[in-house]
Every structure is written in structure tokens, then in C-alpha cells.
Amino acid sequence: MRGVLCPPAAPAGPGLGELGLDPDDLPDGLVVADESGRVICFNAAAARITAVRPADALGAPIERALPLEDLEGRRWWQLTDPYGGLTIRVAQPERNLLLPGGREVLVSARYLRSRPTGPLRRLVVSLRDTEARRRTERSHAELIATVAHELRSPLTSVKGFTATLLAKWERFTDDQKRLMLETVDADANRVTRLIAELLDISRIDSGRLELRRQPVDIGAAVGRHIQAHVAAGQDADRFLVRLQHPLPDLWADPDKIDQVLSNLLENAVRHGEGTVTIDVAPSPSLRVRGATDTAVTVSDEGSGIPEESMSRVFTRFWRGSKRGGTGLGLYIVKGIVEAHGGTITVGRAASGGAQFRFTLPVGAPAYLQ
């Protein structure tokens, strides 16, 4: 049963009906009580959140239709006393309250009066489910746990080696000292990368990822990353680069594009098998008719990503295998590509391995057009 339309509190402003809105169209729960404290509006979202039928709530005293308690078990309506309390109050800030059975909801209220300090004419209560907030809190808790775990290992190593060197410097040969210092240096780099990832996630989540666009030679960038892998011991024959000319001019942040390429190539090398193929080609734009984007596809010949996991690849903490990593890289890659106005997808390559494809719009910045 749908809730009834709430009448306007005062002729000064339009009611929901005058705006063409039904209370059941609102995303949050809406409960309105009249001057006597009886419910005159109980929308569909309120019914869903409280599991109370509008037919049972309408006409009932609000303390019975909405029996809320604070986290210490005290009845909220007795504490706030909206009808008999201070007449200068106009609202109750949002807070966590409990419904019967212990279900937690976010509740805020507005006191509508015909005149300042006058009697209460309407009590408007907003209800929100806490599930979205809980998901965010769980995500933050997982992030903290992951960071703590990832930091513990390298910092323990750094502390152990530096303490050993300081205590027993004369007992080690130069080769032993070099090995220990190289290990400390590698672990310090690992910590630095993790901190950089956390900063990127913060900027992506808050929409503050800054891009410094300039011309980017995407083919040369791919070549640099392959040379780095070869210098690190990979066989040069493992990489196949196919550039389709002519490529349109690409304006992007070169450091961010390097970060995307580095992550995708490292994943293909570490988690994939066989030849890693990188295709760079122009692609018709899906956003602007007649325009051309730059498309980069990275594929390998490994076992690929299971079909049921593809929807989670770009989420935080997803790991394709147990070969290390924080599980944050592809989440950051997606954020960087989308910040450029592009798209990224994952699928299965013709060889059966994993295939990542991202496209970037190639238009010059507005100030140069």
C-alpha cells in the first residue's frame, strides 16, 4: 500500500504535490506527523526500512508507528520530546537509532512551526538505511587491514637488516653488506609504491585526481616498459607489439599513462603465460560522432580470468592469483582511465588468456582548440 501525499506545512512554499512528486518516489524514508503527533505520511521507503505497513502507521501516534531507541536503549521520542520540548528547536541532526529487533537506521528530523517559537505543526522525519554506510566502513576496514599487512613485511625486513648492520658492521664482508642494503632499498621502494597507491585511491575516490595533459607518444611509452621488463630479465621474444599507423595525436598525462601501462604489463607478465601482445590502434569514438580514440589492448596466453570473476576485476583488493600484490592496481588503473574520459574492459583473448583493453579520447585540451 502506498503512503498518502503529505500536505504542505505552510502556504509559503510548494508541497510535494505541487512539485509533481509523490512521497513514494523519494529515495529516503519519509514520515510526517501532524500537530497532534499522529502520522499523516508514511512513504514506501519508510515501509521498506521499518517493515511497517503504511496502513498500520497512518493515523497512529508517531511514537507507536516509529518506536525508535538510541544505542543505549532509551526511547528517542521521550528524550527529544518534539511536541513538549523547547520551542526554539527546529531540527534533530542525523544520528544512528534502533528499530525493534535491533535494526539500525539513520534518522534526522525537522520541526515545522507556523511562527518562530510557535507550536509544532508538522514533525518531518527522514529515515535512511545504514547498509551503504556499513559497506563503506567495511571497505575502509579492509583497506586498513591490507595496508597494515603489506607494510608489516617490508618494514620488519628494513628494521632487521639495519639493526643487524649497525650492531655487527665489522663482521660482514662488503658483498654481504651490499646484499643487505639492496634488500633494504627494495623494501623501501615497496613501501613507497604502497603509499603512492593509497594517495591515488584517495584522489580517485574524492574526484581530485589531477591530470597534466600533454602530447603522449603511446607507442614509445609501450616500448619503454617492454625494455624495462627485458632489462629485469624477461626474454625480449615474449613481447609482441603491433602499432597500427597512423595513430591520432593523444593528449594525456604521461605519468598516469605510464602507471596504467606498467600495471597492465606487469599483470600480464606475472600472472599470464606465453607471449604478451600489445596492440595500439585508432578506434572510433563512442562519445563523439566522427572522432577517433586511441585503443590499447594487452593480452597474454595464460589461463585467463574466470568468467565469474570478471565483474570484480576492477574492484579494490581483487587478486587474480596468490602471487602477491595489494589488489589495488586495477582499481587505480580504472580510475586513471576514466579520469581521462576513457573506458577500460576485461575479457578473454583469442589465445584464451586475459585481455585488457582501454581507450583514451585524443582531442587536445579545450584551451588549445
Protein backbone atom coordinates (compact mmCIF):
# COMPACT_ATOMS: atom_id res chain seq x y z
CA MET A 1 0.00 0.00 0.00
CA ARG A 2 1.30 3.40 -0.94
CA GLY A 3 1.64 6.21 1.58
CA VAL A 4 -0.61 9.27 1.35
CA LEU A 5 0.58 12.54 -0.10
CA CYS A 6 1.89 14.91 2.56
CA PRO A 7 0.08 18.26 2.68
CA PRO A 8 2.21 21.41 2.64
CA ALA A 9 3.27 22.66 6.06
CA ALA A 10 2.53 26.27 5.23
CA PRO A 11 1.31 28.25 2.21
CA ALA A 12 4.72 29.93 1.88
CA GLY A 13 6.22 27.08 -0.14
CA PRO A 14 5.00 24.40 -2.55
CA GLY A 15 4.13 20.94 -1.29
CA LEU A 16 5.28 17.71 -2.90
CA GLY A 17 2.03 17.52 -4.87
CA GLU A 18 2.57 20.96 -6.35
CA LEU A 19 6.03 19.86 -7.49
CA GLY A 20 4.62 16.77 -9.17
CA LEU A 21 6.23 14.41 -6.66
CA ASP A 22 4.74 11.55 -4.70
CA PRO A 23 6.35 10.69 -1.33
CA ASP A 24 6.78 7.15 -2.61
CA ASP A 25 9.11 8.50 -5.29
CA LEU A 26 11.60 9.69 -2.66
CA PRO A 27 14.71 7.51 -2.11
CA ASP A 28 14.70 8.01 1.69
CA GLY A 29 12.04 7.12 4.19
CA LEU A 30 9.66 9.99 4.93
CA VAL A 31 7.37 10.07 7.96
CA VAL A 32 5.28 13.15 8.77
CA ALA A 33 3.18 13.70 11.89
CA ASP A 34 0.59 16.46 12.33
CA GLU A 35 0.16 18.92 15.20
CA SER A 36 -1.31 16.19 17.40
CA GLY A 37 1.57 13.77 16.79
CA ARG A 38 -0.34 11.39 14.52
CA VAL A 39 1.22 10.09 11.32
CA ILE A 40 -0.23 11.59 8.15
CA CYS A 41 2.50 10.45 5.73
CA PHE A 42 4.43 7.18 5.65
CA ASN A 43 6.04 6.57 2.29
CA ALA A 44 7.13 3.34 0.61
CA ALA A 45 10.80 3.77 1.55
CA ALA A 46 9.83 4.16 5.22
CA ALA A 47 7.76 0.98 4.97
CA ARG A 48 10.72 -0.87 3.42
CA ILE A 49 13.20 0.34 6.04
CA THR A 50 10.96 -0.24 9.08
CA ALA A 51 8.98 -3.27 7.83
CA VAL A 52 5.81 -1.45 8.94
CA ARG A 53 2.86 -1.24 6.56
CA PRO A 54 1.66 2.30 5.77
CA ALA A 55 -1.90 1.20 6.66
CA ASP A 56 -0.73 0.35 10.17
CA ALA A 57 1.24 3.57 10.59
CA LEU A 58 -1.15 6.17 9.17
CA GLY A 59 -3.26 7.73 11.91
CA ALA A 60 -1.20 6.20 14.72
CA PRO A 61 0.83 8.24 17.22
CA ILE A 62 4.34 8.61 15.84
CA GLU A 63 5.96 7.06 18.90
CA ARG A 64 3.95 3.89 18.23
CA ALA A 65 4.32 3.89 14.44
CA LEU A 66 8.04 4.59 14.73
CA PRO A 67 9.29 3.19 18.06
CA LEU A 68 12.89 4.34 17.97
CA GLU A 69 15.55 3.86 20.65
CA ASP A 70 19.08 5.17 20.93
CA LEU A 71 22.07 2.85 21.17
CA GLU A 72 21.74 2.81 24.97
CA GLY A 73 18.15 1.57 24.85
CA ARG A 74 16.44 4.89 25.67
CA ARG A 75 13.25 5.80 23.83
CA TRP A 76 14.03 8.56 21.36
CA TRP A 77 10.69 10.36 21.45
CA GLN A 78 10.83 10.67 25.23
CA LEU A 79 14.36 12.07 25.01
CA THR A 80 13.66 14.61 22.26
CA ASP A 81 10.03 15.46 23.20
CA PRO A 82 9.34 17.36 19.94
CA TYR A 83 5.85 18.48 20.98
CA GLY A 84 6.52 19.46 24.57
CA GLY A 85 10.19 20.43 24.48
CA LEU A 86 11.91 23.71 23.72
CA THR A 87 10.02 25.72 21.15
CA ILE A 88 13.20 27.23 19.72
CA ARG A 89 14.33 23.87 18.30
CA VAL A 90 13.96 23.47 14.56
CA ALA A 91 15.68 20.13 13.86
CA GLN A 92 17.33 17.00 15.14
CA PRO A 93 20.69 16.17 13.47
CA GLU A 94 21.15 12.78 11.87
CA ARG A 95 22.06 10.00 14.25
CA ASN A 96 22.05 6.22 14.49
CA LEU A 97 18.92 4.81 16.16
CA LEU A 98 17.47 1.34 16.60
CA LEU A 99 14.17 -0.10 15.43
CA PRO A 100 12.51 -3.00 17.27
CA GLY A 101 14.65 -6.08 16.74
CA GLY A 102 17.87 -4.06 16.82
CA ARG A 103 17.94 -2.90 13.19
CA GLU A 104 20.00 0.27 12.87
CA VAL A 105 18.75 3.27 10.86
CA LEU A 106 19.91 6.84 10.30
CA VAL A 107 17.29 9.31 11.50
CA SER A 108 17.01 13.08 11.23
CA ALA A 109 14.03 15.34 11.91
CA ARG A 110 12.73 18.82 11.14
CA TYR A 111 10.30 20.77 13.31
CA LEU A 112 7.97 22.93 11.21
CA ARG A 113 6.22 25.76 13.02
CA SER A 114 3.79 28.39 11.74
CA ARG A 115 5.88 31.04 13.50
CA PRO A 116 9.18 31.11 15.44
CA THR A 117 8.77 29.54 18.90
CA GLY A 118 5.19 28.68 17.96
CA PRO A 119 3.57 25.27 18.43
CA LEU A 120 4.68 22.39 16.24
CA ARG A 121 2.52 21.98 13.12
CA ARG A 122 4.46 19.23 11.36
CA LEU A 123 7.14 16.82 12.50
CA VAL A 124 9.10 15.59 9.45
CA VAL A 125 11.30 12.55 9.99
CA SER A 126 13.79 11.21 7.43
CA LEU A 127 14.96 7.59 7.56
CA ARG A 128 17.93 6.08 5.78
CA ASP A 129 19.21 2.53 5.71
CA THR A 130 22.70 2.08 7.12
CA GLU A 131 23.72 -0.66 4.68
CA ALA A 132 25.51 1.70 2.28
CA ARG A 133 27.42 3.27 5.16
CA ARG A 134 28.31 -0.17 6.50
CA ARG A 135 29.67 -1.19 3.11
CA THR A 136 31.83 1.93 3.08
CA GLU A 137 33.03 1.24 6.61
CA ARG A 138 33.83 -2.37 5.71
CA SER A 139 35.75 -1.18 2.67
CA HIS A 140 37.75 1.23 4.81
CA ALA A 141 38.41 -1.50 7.37
CA GLU A 142 39.62 -3.84 4.62
CA LEU A 143 41.86 -1.11 3.27
CA ILE A 144 43.40 -0.50 6.69
CA ALA A 145 43.92 -4.25 7.22
CA THR A 146 45.52 -4.62 3.80
CA VAL A 147 47.82 -1.65 4.33
CA ALA A 148 48.87 -2.93 7.76
CA HIS A 149 49.63 -6.36 6.33
CA GLU A 150 51.53 -5.01 3.33
CA LEU A 151 53.58 -2.60 5.44
CA ARG A 152 54.48 -5.10 8.14
CA SER A 153 56.66 -7.34 5.97
CA PRO A 154 58.94 -4.74 4.33
CA LEU A 155 59.26 -2.64 7.49
CA THR A 156 60.19 -5.73 9.52
CA SER A 157 62.83 -6.54 6.94
CA VAL A 158 64.18 -2.98 6.90
CA LYS A 159 64.32 -2.85 10.68
CA GLY A 160 66.00 -6.25 10.92
CA PHE A 161 68.73 -5.58 8.38
CA THR A 162 69.52 -2.05 9.57
CA ALA A 163 69.68 -3.19 13.20
CA THR A 164 71.98 -6.07 12.22
CA LEU A 165 74.26 -3.82 10.19
CA LEU A 166 74.51 -1.23 12.95
CA ALA A 167 75.28 -3.84 15.60
CA LYS A 168 77.71 -6.01 13.63
CA TRP A 169 79.02 -3.83 10.80
CA GLU A 170 82.64 -5.03 11.08
CA ARG A 171 81.70 -8.71 10.92
CA PHE A 172 80.23 -8.58 7.41
CA THR A 173 82.04 -8.58 4.10
CA ASP A 174 81.40 -5.89 1.54
CA ASP A 175 79.31 -8.31 -0.54
CA GLN A 176 77.15 -9.19 2.46
CA LYS A 177 76.65 -5.51 3.29
CA ARG A 178 75.69 -4.77 -0.31
CA LEU A 179 73.13 -7.61 -0.33
CA MET A 180 71.53 -6.36 2.87
CA LEU A 181 71.40 -2.76 1.65
CA GLU A 182 69.92 -3.84 -1.69
CA THR A 183 67.21 -5.71 0.22
CA VAL A 184 66.52 -2.64 2.36
CA ASP A 185 66.35 -0.49 -0.78
CA ALA A 186 63.88 -2.88 -2.47
CA ASP A 187 61.66 -2.98 0.62
CA ALA A 188 61.74 0.81 0.91
CA ASN A 189 60.62 1.03 -2.72
CA ARG A 190 57.78 -1.36 -1.93
CA VAL A 191 56.59 0.86 0.92
CA THR A 192 56.86 3.93 -1.32
CA ARG A 193 54.73 2.25 -4.01
CA LEU A 194 52.08 1.31 -1.46
CA ILE A 195 51.88 4.86 -0.14
CA ALA A 196 51.58 6.17 -3.71
CA GLU A 197 48.72 3.72 -4.35
CA LEU A 198 46.90 4.89 -1.24
CA LEU A 199 47.24 8.52 -2.30
CA ASP A 200 45.91 7.65 -5.76
CA ILE A 201 42.91 5.85 -4.25
CA SER A 202 42.17 8.85 -2.05
CA ARG A 203 42.27 11.21 -5.03
CA ILE A 204 40.18 8.90 -7.22
CA ASP A 205 37.51 8.39 -4.54
CA SER A 206 37.26 12.13 -3.87
CA GLY A 207 37.36 13.12 -7.56
CA ARG A 208 40.59 15.07 -7.05
CA LEU A 209 42.87 13.13 -9.41
CA GLU A 210 44.78 15.84 -11.26
CA LEU A 211 45.77 15.35 -14.89
CA ARG A 212 48.56 17.29 -16.59
CA ARG A 213 47.75 16.70 -20.23
CA GLN A 214 50.40 16.94 -22.90
CA PRO A 215 51.20 15.10 -26.13
CA VAL A 216 51.93 11.42 -25.47
CA ASP A 217 53.64 9.01 -27.86
CA ILE A 218 51.84 5.88 -26.73
CA GLY A 219 53.96 3.60 -28.92
CA ALA A 220 57.18 4.91 -27.40
CA ALA A 221 55.71 4.56 -23.90
CA VAL A 222 54.90 0.89 -24.56
CA GLY A 223 58.44 0.37 -25.86
CA ARG A 224 59.98 1.84 -22.69
CA HIS A 225 58.02 -0.52 -20.46
CA ILE A 226 58.98 -3.54 -22.52
CA GLN A 227 62.66 -2.55 -22.37
CA ALA A 228 62.34 -2.29 -18.58
CA HIS A 229 60.97 -5.84 -18.38
CA VAL A 230 63.74 -7.11 -20.66
CA ALA A 231 66.37 -5.37 -18.53
CA ALA A 232 64.85 -7.09 -15.49
CA GLY A 233 65.43 -10.50 -17.07
CA GLN A 234 62.41 -11.17 -19.28
CA ASP A 235 63.02 -12.62 -22.74
CA ALA A 236 62.53 -9.97 -25.43
CA ASP A 237 60.77 -12.56 -27.60
CA ARG A 238 57.99 -12.78 -25.02
CA PHE A 239 56.61 -9.39 -26.11
CA LEU A 240 54.83 -8.64 -29.38
CA VAL A 241 53.94 -5.02 -30.16
CA ARG A 242 51.61 -4.18 -33.02
CA LEU A 243 51.15 -0.50 -33.84
CA GLN A 244 48.53 0.47 -36.38
CA HIS A 245 49.50 3.69 -38.16
CA PRO A 246 48.65 6.44 -38.44
CA LEU A 247 47.79 6.97 -34.79
CA PRO A 248 45.91 10.15 -33.83
CA ASP A 249 47.57 12.70 -31.58
CA LEU A 250 47.00 11.73 -27.94
CA TRP A 251 46.77 14.34 -25.20
CA ALA A 252 47.04 12.75 -21.77
CA ASP A 253 49.01 12.78 -18.53
CA PRO A 254 52.19 10.85 -19.43
CA ASP A 255 52.93 9.81 -15.84
CA LYS A 256 49.43 8.44 -15.37
CA ILE A 257 49.51 6.60 -18.70
CA ASP A 258 52.86 5.09 -17.68
CA GLN A 259 51.17 3.91 -14.48
CA VAL A 260 48.39 2.23 -16.47
CA LEU A 261 50.79 0.53 -18.88
CA SER A 262 53.10 -0.55 -16.07
CA ASN A 263 50.28 -2.21 -14.16
CA LEU A 264 48.75 -4.00 -17.15
CA LEU A 265 52.09 -5.27 -18.46
CA GLU A 266 53.26 -6.37 -15.02
CA ASN A 267 50.00 -8.29 -14.53
CA ALA A 268 50.39 -9.98 -17.91
CA VAL A 269 53.99 -10.96 -17.17
CA ARG A 270 53.41 -12.06 -13.59
CA HIS A 271 50.03 -13.77 -13.85
CA GLY A 272 49.89 -14.73 -17.53
CA GLU A 273 51.93 -17.07 -19.68
CA GLY A 274 53.37 -17.20 -23.19
CA THR A 275 53.56 -14.16 -25.44
CA VAL A 276 52.32 -10.82 -24.15
CA THR A 277 50.77 -8.94 -27.06
CA ILE A 278 50.24 -5.19 -27.04
CA ASP A 279 48.04 -3.74 -29.77
CA VAL A 280 47.84 0.03 -30.25
CA ALA A 281 45.33 1.26 -32.81
CA PRO A 282 42.92 4.08 -33.58
CA SER A 283 39.34 3.34 -32.59
CA PRO A 284 36.04 5.08 -33.42
CA SER A 285 34.93 7.18 -30.51
CA LEU A 286 31.85 6.04 -28.61
CA ARG A 287 31.37 9.56 -27.20
CA VAL A 288 31.79 11.90 -30.16
CA ARG A 289 30.49 11.03 -33.62
CA GLY A 290 33.24 11.12 -36.21
CA ALA A 291 36.02 11.36 -33.62
CA THR A 292 38.80 8.84 -33.09
CA ASP A 293 40.12 7.42 -29.84
CA THR A 294 43.35 5.57 -29.12
CA ALA A 295 42.84 1.95 -28.07
CA VAL A 296 45.48 -0.15 -26.28
CA THR A 297 44.97 -3.89 -25.80
CA VAL A 298 47.19 -6.04 -23.59
CA SER A 299 46.68 -9.80 -23.80
CA ASP A 300 48.54 -12.94 -22.76
CA GLU A 301 48.34 -16.68 -23.36
CA GLY A 302 47.72 -17.83 -19.79
CA SER A 303 44.65 -19.44 -18.30
CA GLY A 304 42.76 -16.15 -18.28
CA ILE A 305 40.35 -14.75 -15.72
CA PRO A 306 37.38 -16.91 -14.69
CA GLU A 307 34.10 -15.66 -16.10
CA GLU A 308 32.58 -15.28 -12.64
CA SER A 309 35.47 -13.03 -11.55
CA MET A 310 35.41 -10.56 -14.45
CA SER A 311 32.83 -8.31 -12.81
CA ARG A 312 35.16 -7.88 -9.78
CA VAL A 313 38.45 -7.31 -11.57
CA PHE A 314 38.40 -3.52 -11.16
CA THR A 315 37.25 -3.53 -7.54
CA ARG A 316 39.51 -2.97 -4.55
CA PHE A 317 41.52 -5.91 -3.25
CA TRP A 318 40.78 -8.21 -6.19
CA ARG A 319 43.68 -10.57 -6.80
CA GLY A 320 43.86 -12.88 -9.79
CA SER A 321 46.27 -15.24 -8.04
CA LYS A 322 48.23 -15.70 -4.85
CA ARG A 323 51.39 -14.22 -6.32
CA GLY A 324 51.44 -11.11 -4.18
CA GLY A 325 50.26 -7.59 -4.77
CA THR A 326 47.84 -5.40 -2.85
CA GLY A 327 44.88 -5.91 -5.16
CA LEU A 328 44.64 -2.14 -5.67
CA GLY A 329 46.39 -1.75 -9.02
CA LEU A 330 43.48 -2.40 -11.40
CA TYR A 331 41.16 -0.24 -9.29
CA ILE A 332 43.63 2.63 -9.76
CA VAL A 333 44.04 1.85 -13.47
CA LYS A 334 40.27 2.14 -13.98
CA GLY A 335 40.19 5.42 -12.07
CA ILE A 336 43.01 6.90 -14.18
CA VAL A 337 41.46 5.83 -17.50
CA GLU A 338 38.04 7.18 -16.54
CA ALA A 339 39.57 10.44 -15.32
CA HIS A 340 40.87 10.87 -18.87
CA GLY A 341 37.36 10.33 -20.19
CA GLY A 342 38.18 6.84 -21.45
CA THR A 343 36.95 3.32 -20.78
CA ILE A 344 38.59 0.03 -19.82
CA THR A 345 37.27 -3.51 -20.21
CA VAL A 346 38.44 -7.01 -19.43
CA GLY A 347 37.78 -10.14 -21.43
CA ARG A 348 39.28 -13.31 -22.83
CA ALA A 349 41.92 -13.16 -25.54
CA ALA A 350 41.75 -15.33 -28.66
CA SER A 351 44.58 -17.40 -27.14
CA GLY A 352 42.49 -17.99 -24.00
CA GLY A 353 44.41 -15.64 -21.73
CA ALA A 354 43.36 -12.39 -20.11
CA GLN A 355 42.77 -9.35 -22.30
CA PHE A 356 42.58 -5.76 -21.06
CA ARG A 357 41.57 -3.01 -23.46
CA PHE A 358 41.45 0.68 -22.67
CA THR A 359 40.57 3.60 -24.88
CA LEU A 360 41.53 7.23 -24.46
CA PRO A 361 39.98 10.24 -26.23
CA VAL A 362 42.59 12.03 -28.30
CA GLY A 363 41.27 15.57 -28.55
CA ALA A 364 43.53 18.43 -27.49
CA PRO A 365 42.64 20.34 -24.30
CA ALA A 366 39.95 23.00 -24.73
CA TYR A 367 42.39 25.87 -24.19
CA LEU A 368 44.34 24.78 -27.30
CA GLN A 369 41.35 24.41 -29.57
